[in-house]
């Protein structure tokens, strides 16, 4: 099973992906550390490292289900088409869409802070996340929407329950 976590920066995708990985158990492949590794390797920040990192994470994740293990991919919502195609190649959409934090007043608790273990990742400034709101298109296909303000344990449990119903 391949599970895609996708949402705007600062929504807490990495936290839920990690919790879900522990509960299932599943491998977790995060795009942000892959992109940060590209920067540390000398690839300029003005290059399209986001899409390249997503492709690299996709390549890593593709082999995990063949080993009989689920895998969770953690990526920003901009890669949704690419990630939907990947999920479809692995038995249909298993997309967990982290709730859109932009409907709330002010930044979410994680806005501007890179996730744990994201060495070299620049946190998303709340202002840049808010600017994305103008072009953000909500997902309309089958998915689970988690409330970004709910506690991590509740979100991980809700995600696990959802996955048992869509298998």
C-alpha atoms as a PDB file:
ATOM      1  CA  UNK A   1       0.000   0.000   0.000  1.00  0.00           C
ATOM      2  CA  UNK A   2       1.223   3.441  -0.906  1.00  0.00           C
ATOM      3  CA  UNK A   3      -0.117   6.386   1.092  1.00  0.00           C
ATOM      4  CA  UNK A   4       0.334   9.998   0.043  1.00  0.00           C
ATOM      5  CA  UNK A   5       0.269  12.831   2.588  1.00  0.00           C
ATOM      6  CA  UNK A   6      -0.068  16.142   0.796  1.00  0.00           C
ATOM      7  CA  UNK A   7      -0.958  19.650   1.935  1.00  0.00           C
ATOM      8  CA  UNK A   8       0.376  23.166   2.141  1.00  0.00           C
ATOM      9  CA  UNK A   9       3.602  23.842   4.054  1.00  0.00           C
ATOM     10  CA  UNK A  10       3.175  24.127   7.792  1.00  0.00           C
ATOM     11  CA  UNK A  11       0.116  21.871   7.962  1.00  0.00           C
ATOM     12  CA  UNK A  12       1.911  19.195   9.990  1.00  0.00           C
ATOM     13  CA  UNK A  13       2.214  16.536   7.285  1.00  0.00           C
ATOM     14  CA  UNK A  14       5.556  15.254   8.559  1.00  0.00           C
ATOM     15  CA  UNK A  15       4.241  14.813  12.101  1.00  0.00           C
ATOM     16  CA  UNK A  16       1.190  12.832  10.940  1.00  0.00           C
ATOM     17  CA  UNK A  17       3.222  10.836   8.391  1.00  0.00           C
ATOM     18  CA  UNK A  18       5.688   9.857  11.118  1.00  0.00           C
ATOM     19  CA  UNK A  19       2.927   8.906  13.553  1.00  0.00           C
ATOM     20  CA  UNK A  20       1.149   6.888  10.874  1.00  0.00           C
ATOM     21  CA  UNK A  21       4.422   5.176   9.961  1.00  0.00           C
ATOM     22  CA  UNK A  22       4.835   4.080  13.575  1.00  0.00           C
ATOM     23  CA  UNK A  23       1.229   2.877  13.907  1.00  0.00           C
ATOM     24  CA  UNK A  24       0.987   0.828  10.687  1.00  0.00           C
ATOM     25  CA  UNK A  25       4.125   0.251  10.666  1.00  0.00           C
ATOM     26  CA  UNK A  26       5.206   1.778   7.359  1.00  0.00           C
ATOM     27  CA  UNK A  27       8.279   3.313   5.785  1.00  0.00           C
ATOM     28  CA  UNK A  28       8.044   7.108   5.572  1.00  0.00           C
ATOM     29  CA  UNK A  29       9.632   8.935   2.633  1.00  0.00           C
ATOM     30  CA  UNK A  30       9.750  12.696   3.083  1.00  0.00           C
ATOM     31  CA  UNK A  31      10.424  14.995   0.137  1.00  0.00           C
ATOM     32  CA  UNK A  32      11.811  17.942   2.160  1.00  0.00           C
ATOM     33  CA  UNK A  33      14.990  16.171   3.370  1.00  0.00           C
ATOM     34  CA  UNK A  34      15.651  14.972  -0.189  1.00  0.00           C
ATOM     35  CA  UNK A  35      15.426  18.559  -1.423  1.00  0.00           C
ATOM     36  CA  UNK A  36      17.670  19.752   1.426  1.00  0.00           C
ATOM     37  CA  UNK A  37      20.243  17.114   0.469  1.00  0.00           C
ATOM     38  CA  UNK A  38      20.277  18.540  -3.067  1.00  0.00           C
ATOM     39  CA  UNK A  39      21.026  21.995  -1.668  1.00  0.00           C
ATOM     40  CA  UNK A  40      23.784  20.597   0.563  1.00  0.00           C
ATOM     41  CA  UNK A  41      25.237  18.900  -2.514  1.00  0.00           C
ATOM     42  CA  UNK A  42      25.522  22.298  -4.182  1.00  0.00           C
ATOM     43  CA  UNK A  43      22.394  22.477  -6.310  1.00  0.00           C
ATOM     44  CA  UNK A  44      21.297  26.100  -6.303  1.00  0.00           C
ATOM     45  CA  UNK A  45      18.080  27.084  -4.523  1.00  0.00           C
ATOM     46  CA  UNK A  46      16.917  28.754  -7.740  1.00  0.00           C
ATOM     47  CA  UNK A  47      16.849  25.397  -9.549  1.00  0.00           C
ATOM     48  CA  UNK A  48      13.662  23.285  -9.654  1.00  0.00           C
ATOM     49  CA  UNK A  49      14.738  21.152  -6.709  1.00  0.00           C
ATOM     50  CA  UNK A  50      11.178  20.627  -5.435  1.00  0.00           C
ATOM     51  CA  UNK A  51       9.981  18.606  -8.442  1.00  0.00           C
ATOM     52  CA  UNK A  52      13.329  16.798  -8.633  1.00  0.00           C
ATOM     53  CA  UNK A  53      13.159  15.882  -4.942  1.00  0.00           C
ATOM     54  CA  UNK A  54       9.622  14.608  -5.422  1.00  0.00           C
ATOM     55  CA  UNK A  55      10.781  12.374  -8.283  1.00  0.00           C
ATOM     56  CA  UNK A  56      13.668  11.079  -6.175  1.00  0.00           C
ATOM     57  CA  UNK A  57      11.340  10.329  -3.245  1.00  0.00           C
ATOM     58  CA  UNK A  58       8.934   8.642  -5.646  1.00  0.00           C
ATOM     59  CA  UNK A  59      11.750   6.407  -6.943  1.00  0.00           C
ATOM     60  CA  UNK A  60      12.649   5.385  -3.390  1.00  0.00           C
ATOM     61  CA  UNK A  61       9.033   4.805  -2.392  1.00  0.00           C
ATOM     62  CA  UNK A  62       8.137   2.711  -5.450  1.00  0.00           C
ATOM     63  CA  UNK A  63      10.209  -0.231  -4.248  1.00  0.00           C
ATOM     64  CA  UNK A  64       8.789  -0.453  -0.741  1.00  0.00           C
ATOM     65  CA  UNK A  65       5.342  -1.982  -1.500  1.00  0.00           C
ATOM     66  CA  UNK A  66       7.095  -4.747  -3.471  1.00  0.00           C
ATOM     67  CA  UNK A  67       8.729  -5.750  -0.181  1.00  0.00           C
ATOM     68  CA  UNK A  68       5.294  -6.202   1.357  1.00  0.00           C
ATOM     69  CA  UNK A  69       5.502  -3.019   3.425  1.00  0.00           C
ATOM     70  CA  UNK A  70       3.309   0.048   3.243  1.00  0.00           C
ATOM     71  CA  UNK A  71       4.980   3.368   2.514  1.00  0.00           C
ATOM     72  CA  UNK A  72       3.910   6.916   3.348  1.00  0.00           C
ATOM     73  CA  UNK A  73       5.093   9.756   1.096  1.00  0.00           C
ATOM     74  CA  UNK A  74       5.116  13.204   2.679  1.00  0.00           C
ATOM     75  CA  UNK A  75       5.053  16.033   0.134  1.00  0.00           C
ATOM     76  CA  UNK A  76       3.662  19.511  -0.425  1.00  0.00           C
ATOM     77  CA  UNK A  77       0.384  19.810  -2.283  1.00  0.00           C
ATOM     78  CA  UNK A  78       2.058  21.247  -5.388  1.00  0.00           C
ATOM     79  CA  UNK A  79       3.076  17.701  -6.379  1.00  0.00           C
ATOM     80  CA  UNK A  80      -0.457  16.320  -6.158  1.00  0.00           C
ATOM     81  CA  UNK A  81      -0.787  15.247  -9.827  1.00  0.00           C
ATOM     82  CA  UNK A  82       2.495  13.409  -9.740  1.00  0.00           C
ATOM     83  CA  UNK A  83       1.666  11.772  -6.419  1.00  0.00           C
ATOM     84  CA  UNK A  84      -1.860  10.776  -7.486  1.00  0.00           C
ATOM     85  CA  UNK A  85      -0.370   8.997 -10.502  1.00  0.00           C
ATOM     86  CA  UNK A  86       2.075   7.183  -8.234  1.00  0.00           C
ATOM     87  CA  UNK A  87      -0.726   6.109  -5.872  1.00  0.00           C
ATOM     88  CA  UNK A  88      -2.816   4.916  -8.838  1.00  0.00           C
ATOM     89  CA  UNK A  89       0.071   2.717 -10.039  1.00  0.00           C
ATOM     90  CA  UNK A  90       0.008   1.034  -6.629  1.00  0.00           C
ATOM     91  CA  UNK A  91      -3.613  -0.032  -6.464  1.00  0.00           C
ATOM     92  CA  UNK A  92      -5.624   3.121  -6.454  1.00  0.00           C
ATOM     93  CA  UNK A  93      -5.710   6.375  -4.561  1.00  0.00           C
ATOM     94  CA  UNK A  94      -4.658   6.165  -0.951  1.00  0.00           C
ATOM     95  CA  UNK A  95      -4.362   9.898  -0.555  1.00  0.00           C
ATOM     96  CA  UNK A  96      -4.491  11.416   2.898  1.00  0.00           C
ATOM     97  CA  UNK A  97      -4.843  15.122   2.455  1.00  0.00           C
ATOM     98  CA  UNK A  98      -3.780  17.050   5.508  1.00  0.00           C
ATOM     99  CA  UNK A  99      -6.312  19.759   6.326  1.00  0.00           C
ATOM    100  CA  UNK A 100      -6.022  23.175   4.734  1.00  0.00           C
ATOM    101  CA  UNK A 101      -4.726  25.386   7.534  1.00  0.00           C
ATOM    102  CA  UNK A 102      -5.372  28.532   5.528  1.00  0.00           C
ATOM    103  CA  UNK A 103      -9.001  28.699   6.554  1.00  0.00           C
ATOM    104  CA  UNK A 104      -7.906  29.520  10.086  1.00  0.00           C
ATOM    105  CA  UNK A 105      -6.912  32.843  11.572  1.00  0.00           C
ATOM    106  CA  UNK A 106      -3.145  33.241  11.711  1.00  0.00           C
ATOM    107  CA  UNK A 107      -0.451  30.673  11.132  1.00  0.00           C
ATOM    108  CA  UNK A 108      -0.717  27.067  12.281  1.00  0.00           C
ATOM    109  CA  UNK A 109       1.594  25.949  15.082  1.00  0.00           C
ATOM    110  CA  UNK A 110       4.163  24.499  12.663  1.00  0.00           C
ATOM    111  CA  UNK A 111       4.243  27.285  10.058  1.00  0.00           C
ATOM    112  CA  UNK A 112       7.775  28.497   9.504  1.00  0.00           C
ATOM    113  CA  UNK A 113       9.339  25.528  11.292  1.00  0.00           C
ATOM    114  CA  UNK A 114      10.898  22.704   9.333  1.00  0.00           C
ATOM    115  CA  UNK A 115       9.882  19.260  10.535  1.00  0.00           C
ATOM    116  CA  UNK A 116      12.100  17.277  12.864  1.00  0.00           C
ATOM    117  CA  UNK A 117      15.095  15.809  11.083  1.00  0.00           C
ATOM    118  CA  UNK A 118      14.827  18.231   8.174  1.00  0.00           C
ATOM    119  CA  UNK A 119      18.457  19.370   8.337  1.00  0.00           C
ATOM    120  CA  UNK A 120      18.982  22.166   5.847  1.00  0.00           C
ATOM    121  CA  UNK A 121      15.295  22.715   5.119  1.00  0.00           C
ATOM    122  CA  UNK A 122      14.117  26.283   5.226  1.00  0.00           C
ATOM    123  CA  UNK A 123      10.818  26.623   7.006  1.00  0.00           C
ATOM    124  CA  UNK A 124       7.961  28.125   5.028  1.00  0.00           C
ATOM    125  CA  UNK A 125       7.270  31.687   6.065  1.00  0.00           C
ATOM    126  CA  UNK A 126       3.609  32.105   6.936  1.00  0.00           C
ATOM    127  CA  UNK A 127       3.356  34.968   4.451  1.00  0.00           C
ATOM    128  CA  UNK A 128       4.527  32.723   1.578  1.00  0.00           C
ATOM    129  CA  UNK A 129       2.075  30.002   2.597  1.00  0.00           C
ATOM    130  CA  UNK A 130      -0.723  32.572   2.751  1.00  0.00           C
ATOM    131  CA  UNK A 131       0.184  33.754  -0.787  1.00  0.00           C
ATOM    132  CA  UNK A 132      -0.363  30.218  -2.059  1.00  0.00           C
ATOM    133  CA  UNK A 133      -3.941  30.491  -0.898  1.00  0.00           C
ATOM    134  CA  UNK A 134      -4.805  32.547  -3.974  1.00  0.00           C
ATOM    135  CA  UNK A 135      -3.926  29.659  -6.309  1.00  0.00           C
ATOM    136  CA  UNK A 136      -4.693  26.731  -4.022  1.00  0.00           C
ATOM    137  CA  UNK A 137      -7.290  24.386  -5.471  1.00  0.00           C
ATOM    138  CA  UNK A 138      -8.928  22.057  -2.963  1.00  0.00           C
ATOM    139  CA  UNK A 139      -8.747  18.341  -3.629  1.00  0.00           C
ATOM    140  CA  UNK A 140     -12.074  16.949  -4.799  1.00  0.00           C
ATOM    141  CA  UNK A 141     -11.376  13.216  -5.133  1.00  0.00           C
ATOM    142  CA  UNK A 142     -11.673  10.545  -2.461  1.00  0.00           C
ATOM    143  CA  UNK A 143      -9.419  11.460   0.422  1.00  0.00           C
ATOM    144  CA  UNK A 144      -9.206  11.918   4.132  1.00  0.00           C
ATOM    145  CA  UNK A 145      -9.029  15.485   5.391  1.00  0.00           C
ATOM    146  CA  UNK A 146      -7.436  15.813   8.809  1.00  0.00           C
ATOM    147  CA  UNK A 147      -7.888  18.827  11.039  1.00  0.00           C
ATOM    148  CA  UNK A 148      -4.483  20.436  11.455  1.00  0.00           C
ATOM    149  CA  UNK A 149      -5.417  21.685  14.893  1.00  0.00           C
ATOM    150  CA  UNK A 150      -6.443  18.258  16.249  1.00  0.00           C
ATOM    151  CA  UNK A 151      -3.910  16.366  18.338  1.00  0.00           C
ATOM    152  CA  UNK A 152      -1.444  14.093  16.569  1.00  0.00           C
ATOM    153  CA  UNK A 153      -2.691  10.866  18.150  1.00  0.00           C
ATOM    154  CA  UNK A 154      -6.277  11.515  17.046  1.00  0.00           C
ATOM    155  CA  UNK A 155      -5.154  12.304  13.503  1.00  0.00           C
ATOM    156  CA  UNK A 156      -2.998   9.155  13.292  1.00  0.00           C
ATOM    157  CA  UNK A 157      -5.894   7.006  14.542  1.00  0.00           C
ATOM    158  CA  UNK A 158      -8.329   8.618  12.112  1.00  0.00           C
ATOM    159  CA  UNK A 159      -5.883   8.015   9.249  1.00  0.00           C
ATOM    160  CA  UNK A 160      -5.399   4.381  10.209  1.00  0.00           C
ATOM    161  CA  UNK A 161      -9.178   3.843  10.375  1.00  0.00           C
ATOM    162  CA  UNK A 162      -9.634   5.498   6.991  1.00  0.00           C
ATOM    163  CA  UNK A 163      -7.023   3.248   5.406  1.00  0.00           C
ATOM    164  CA  UNK A 164      -8.815   0.107   6.604  1.00  0.00           C
ATOM    165  CA  UNK A 165     -12.042   1.270   4.931  1.00  0.00           C
ATOM    166  CA  UNK A 166     -10.512   2.067   1.521  1.00  0.00           C
ATOM    167  CA  UNK A 167      -8.448  -1.117   1.071  1.00  0.00           C
END
